[in-house]
Protein backbone atom coordinates (compact mmCIF):
# COMPACT_ATOMS: atom_id res chain seq x y z
CA UNK A 1 94.40 94.08 121.19
CA UNK A 2 94.46 92.47 117.75
CA UNK A 3 91.64 90.37 116.40
CA UNK A 4 92.22 86.62 115.99
CA UNK A 5 93.34 85.31 112.63
CA UNK A 6 91.22 82.99 110.48
CA UNK A 7 93.59 79.99 110.73
CA UNK A 8 91.93 77.92 107.97
CA UNK A 9 94.48 75.46 106.51
CA UNK A 10 95.13 75.23 102.77
CA UNK A 11 93.49 72.08 101.33
CA UNK A 12 96.73 70.85 99.66
CA UNK A 13 99.31 72.31 102.11
CA UNK A 14 97.88 71.87 105.64
CA UNK A 15 100.83 73.68 107.28
CA UNK A 16 99.79 76.82 105.35
CA UNK A 17 97.31 78.69 107.53
CA UNK A 18 95.25 81.74 106.68
CA UNK A 19 96.50 84.87 108.46
CA UNK A 20 93.57 87.09 107.48
CA UNK A 21 91.19 88.26 110.25
CA UNK A 22 88.64 85.72 111.50
CA UNK A 23 85.36 85.74 109.57
CA UNK A 24 86.80 87.44 106.46
CA UNK A 25 86.24 84.64 103.91
CA UNK A 26 83.84 85.16 100.99
CA UNK A 27 84.26 82.81 98.01
CA UNK A 28 85.72 84.49 94.90
CA UNK A 29 85.71 87.89 96.67
CA UNK A 30 87.94 87.61 99.76
CA UNK A 31 90.07 84.44 99.63
CA UNK A 32 92.15 82.94 102.41
CA UNK A 33 95.78 84.11 102.35
CA UNK A 34 99.00 83.45 104.22
CA UNK A 35 102.60 82.31 103.90
CA UNK A 36 103.00 79.11 101.85
CA UNK A 37 104.59 76.50 104.14
CA UNK A 38 105.93 73.29 102.57
CA UNK A 39 107.94 70.76 104.61
CA UNK A 40 108.08 73.21 107.52
CA UNK A 41 109.67 76.03 105.49
CA UNK A 42 108.15 79.21 104.13
CA UNK A 43 108.26 78.98 100.32
CA UNK A 44 106.32 82.09 99.34
CA UNK A 45 102.73 83.22 99.70
CA UNK A 46 99.38 81.62 98.97
CA UNK A 47 95.81 82.78 98.40
CA UNK A 48 93.04 80.21 98.04
CA UNK A 49 89.34 79.54 98.05
CA UNK A 50 87.89 76.57 99.88
CA UNK A 51 87.36 73.61 97.55
CA UNK A 52 83.82 73.05 96.31
CA UNK A 53 82.19 69.97 97.78
CA UNK A 54 81.14 67.30 95.30
CA UNK A 55 78.26 64.90 95.68
């Protein structure tokens, strides 16, 4: 049985979902990663950190 994937969407490309294992994310150390999906088509790969919140 495989562990579930993270599934966090990219902040600019919401169809791009993280395929790393759930609970992996650590800012600047272990970014989200998955296939880059734009307009429903795979266009490459992406790795990203969650955007910093601003006040």
